Amino acid sequence: MPIPDGGPAVFSDVVVDRIPGRAPSDLKVGVDIKHTWHGDLAVDLVGPDGTVYPLKKSNIGDAAANVIETYTVDASTQLANGTWRLRVQDMYRTDSGRIDGWKLIF
């Protein structure tokens, strides 16, 4: 999924429908984003009830390439089942990228 350069946020959704109860307090979020300037990106997980879990803030001075990380969030207030969204926004112009994939590890 392309990430617009300096544009609006894009969303990639994952539907969970076979995990009873609540999400864990140590929910792992694996992201694979290719981008020529790591610092351009703000990355968030959005839970099924709309709660936003910040994963990575933008930082114009961070010149590394790509975001290939596993983040941990306390999502225990969420039901596990539902639509989870990865929200990615390129906050600055000039560099481009794409979401290659992401996953939740319960």
C-alpha atoms as a PDB file:
ATOM      1  CA  MET A   1       0.000   0.000   0.000  1.00  0.00           C
ATOM      2  CA  PRO A   2       1.569   3.346  -1.023  1.00  0.00           C
ATOM      3  CA  ILE A   3       2.021   6.089   1.578  1.00  0.00           C
ATOM      4  CA  PRO A   4       1.315   9.518   0.032  1.00  0.00           C
ATOM      5  CA  ASP A   5       4.315  11.853   0.293  1.00  0.00           C
ATOM      6  CA  GLY A   6       3.408  14.543   2.815  1.00  0.00           C
ATOM      7  CA  GLY A   7      -0.230  13.535   2.424  1.00  0.00           C
ATOM      8  CA  PRO A   8      -3.112  12.183   4.457  1.00  0.00           C
ATOM      9  CA  ALA A   9      -2.820   9.114   6.648  1.00  0.00           C
ATOM     10  CA  VAL A  10      -3.407   5.705   5.107  1.00  0.00           C
ATOM     11  CA  PHE A  11      -4.993   2.774   6.904  1.00  0.00           C
ATOM     12  CA  SER A  12      -4.384  -0.935   6.584  1.00  0.00           C
ATOM     13  CA  ASP A  13      -6.912  -3.172   8.338  1.00  0.00           C
ATOM     14  CA  VAL A  14      -6.715  -6.596   9.959  1.00  0.00           C
ATOM     15  CA  VAL A  15      -9.902  -8.335  11.092  1.00  0.00           C
ATOM     16  CA  VAL A  16      -9.591 -10.600  14.135  1.00  0.00           C
ATOM     17  CA  ASP A  17     -12.533 -12.929  14.666  1.00  0.00           C
ATOM     18  CA  ARG A  18     -11.369 -16.063  16.485  1.00  0.00           C
ATOM     19  CA  ILE A  19      -9.771 -14.877  19.711  1.00  0.00           C
ATOM     20  CA  PRO A  20     -12.178 -14.804  22.667  1.00  0.00           C
ATOM     21  CA  GLY A  21     -11.965 -12.201  25.390  1.00  0.00           C
ATOM     22  CA  ARG A  22      -9.689  -9.221  25.652  1.00  0.00           C
ATOM     23  CA  ALA A  23      -6.472  -8.391  23.855  1.00  0.00           C
ATOM     24  CA  PRO A  24      -3.322  -8.860  25.936  1.00  0.00           C
ATOM     25  CA  SER A  25      -1.493  -6.205  27.903  1.00  0.00           C
ATOM     26  CA  ASP A  26       1.575  -7.034  25.807  1.00  0.00           C
ATOM     27  CA  LEU A  27       0.085  -7.122  22.305  1.00  0.00           C
ATOM     28  CA  LYS A  28       2.880  -7.220  19.733  1.00  0.00           C
ATOM     29  CA  VAL A  29       2.534  -5.205  16.519  1.00  0.00           C
ATOM     30  CA  GLY A  30       4.984  -6.143  13.785  1.00  0.00           C
ATOM     31  CA  VAL A  31       5.368  -3.570  11.009  1.00  0.00           C
ATOM     32  CA  ASP A  32       7.227  -3.709   7.708  1.00  0.00           C
ATOM     33  CA  ILE A  33       7.265  -0.273   6.087  1.00  0.00           C
ATOM     34  CA  LYS A  34       9.671   0.636   3.332  1.00  0.00           C
ATOM     35  CA  HIS A  35      10.428   4.366   3.241  1.00  0.00           C
ATOM     36  CA  THR A  36      13.493   6.348   2.238  1.00  0.00           C
ATOM     37  CA  TRP A  37      13.367   8.609   5.330  1.00  0.00           C
ATOM     38  CA  HIS A  38      12.278   6.847   8.539  1.00  0.00           C
ATOM     39  CA  GLY A  39      11.730  10.125  10.396  1.00  0.00           C
ATOM     40  CA  ASP A  40       8.946  11.284   8.065  1.00  0.00           C
ATOM     41  CA  LEU A  41       6.544   8.701   9.426  1.00  0.00           C
ATOM     42  CA  ALA A  42       4.033   8.697  12.259  1.00  0.00           C
ATOM     43  CA  VAL A  43       2.716   5.182  12.908  1.00  0.00           C
ATOM     44  CA  ASP A  44      -0.225   4.250  15.139  1.00  0.00           C
ATOM     45  CA  LEU A  45      -2.317   1.198  15.927  1.00  0.00           C
ATOM     46  CA  VAL A  46      -6.054   1.906  16.129  1.00  0.00           C
ATOM     47  CA  GLY A  47      -8.074  -0.580  18.170  1.00  0.00           C
ATOM     48  CA  PRO A  48     -11.560  -1.822  17.327  1.00  0.00           C
ATOM     49  CA  ASP A  49     -13.145   0.804  19.611  1.00  0.00           C
ATOM     50  CA  GLY A  50     -11.104   3.644  18.059  1.00  0.00           C
ATOM     51  CA  THR A  51      -8.446   3.864  20.775  1.00  0.00           C
ATOM     52  CA  VAL A  52      -5.137   5.045  19.297  1.00  0.00           C
ATOM     53  CA  TYR A  53      -1.893   3.404  20.392  1.00  0.00           C
ATOM     54  CA  PRO A  54       1.088   5.471  19.195  1.00  0.00           C
ATOM     55  CA  LEU A  55       3.870   3.261  17.872  1.00  0.00           C
ATOM     56  CA  LYS A  56       6.265   5.769  16.306  1.00  0.00           C
ATOM     57  CA  LYS A  57       6.339   9.560  16.187  1.00  0.00           C
ATOM     58  CA  SER A  58       7.753  11.465  13.249  1.00  0.00           C
ATOM     59  CA  ASN A  59      11.200  13.013  13.698  1.00  0.00           C
ATOM     60  CA  ILE A  60      12.549  14.973  10.737  1.00  0.00           C
ATOM     61  CA  GLY A  61      16.119  14.454  11.948  1.00  0.00           C
ATOM     62  CA  ASP A  62      15.882  10.650  11.786  1.00  0.00           C
ATOM     63  CA  ALA A  63      17.431   9.854   8.397  1.00  0.00           C
ATOM     64  CA  ALA A  64      17.392   6.057   8.594  1.00  0.00           C
ATOM     65  CA  ALA A  65      15.479   4.111   5.974  1.00  0.00           C
ATOM     66  CA  ASN A  66      12.519   1.805   6.603  1.00  0.00           C
ATOM     67  CA  VAL A  67      10.494   0.929   9.687  1.00  0.00           C
ATOM     68  CA  ILE A  68      10.853  -2.780  10.355  1.00  0.00           C
ATOM     69  CA  GLU A  69      10.014  -3.144  14.026  1.00  0.00           C
ATOM     70  CA  THR A  70       7.922  -5.001  16.549  1.00  0.00           C
ATOM     71  CA  TYR A  71       6.199  -2.715  19.049  1.00  0.00           C
ATOM     72  CA  THR A  72       4.408  -3.710  22.260  1.00  0.00           C
ATOM     73  CA  VAL A  73       1.210  -2.019  23.424  1.00  0.00           C
ATOM     74  CA  ASP A  74      -1.117  -2.548  26.364  1.00  0.00           C
ATOM     75  CA  ALA A  75      -4.375  -3.264  24.543  1.00  0.00           C
ATOM     76  CA  SER A  76      -6.062  -5.029  27.462  1.00  0.00           C
ATOM     77  CA  THR A  77      -9.025  -2.643  27.442  1.00  0.00           C
ATOM     78  CA  GLN A  78      -9.946  -3.869  23.925  1.00  0.00           C
ATOM     79  CA  LEU A  79     -11.849  -6.937  22.888  1.00  0.00           C
ATOM     80  CA  ALA A  80      -9.476  -8.994  20.773  1.00  0.00           C
ATOM     81  CA  ASN A  81     -12.044  -9.534  18.028  1.00  0.00           C
ATOM     82  CA  GLY A  82     -12.778  -6.681  15.674  1.00  0.00           C
ATOM     83  CA  THR A  83     -11.076  -4.532  13.062  1.00  0.00           C
ATOM     84  CA  TRP A  84      -7.608  -3.348  14.008  1.00  0.00           C
ATOM     85  CA  ARG A  85      -6.039  -0.621  11.883  1.00  0.00           C
ATOM     86  CA  LEU A  86      -2.483   0.440  11.220  1.00  0.00           C
ATOM     87  CA  ARG A  87      -2.420   4.186  10.528  1.00  0.00           C
ATOM     88  CA  VAL A  88       0.647   5.605   8.779  1.00  0.00           C
ATOM     89  CA  GLN A  89       1.190   9.219   7.803  1.00  0.00           C
ATOM     90  CA  ASP A  90       4.131  10.783   5.988  1.00  0.00           C
ATOM     91  CA  MET A  91       4.441  14.118   7.760  1.00  0.00           C
ATOM     92  CA  TYR A  92       7.016  15.749   5.439  1.00  0.00           C
ATOM     93  CA  ARG A  93       7.478  16.052   1.679  1.00  0.00           C
ATOM     94  CA  THR A  94      10.236  14.668  -0.573  1.00  0.00           C
ATOM     95  CA  ASP A  95      10.575  10.994   0.409  1.00  0.00           C
ATOM     96  CA  SER A  96       8.189   8.168  -0.388  1.00  0.00           C
ATOM     97  CA  GLY A  97       7.317   4.715   0.826  1.00  0.00           C
ATOM     98  CA  ARG A  98       4.830   1.906   1.236  1.00  0.00           C
ATOM     99  CA  ILE A  99       3.392  -0.461   3.814  1.00  0.00           C
ATOM    100  CA  ASP A 100       4.695  -3.907   2.867  1.00  0.00           C
ATOM    101  CA  GLY A 101       2.889  -5.664   5.696  1.00  0.00           C
ATOM    102  CA  TRP A 102       2.015  -5.743   9.363  1.00  0.00           C
ATOM    103  CA  LYS A 103       0.675  -8.205  11.905  1.00  0.00           C
ATOM    104  CA  LEU A 104      -0.700  -8.546  15.398  1.00  0.00           C
ATOM    105  CA  ILE A 105       0.843 -11.197  17.640  1.00  0.00           C
ATOM    106  CA  PHE A 106      -1.527 -12.200  20.436  1.00  0.00           C
END
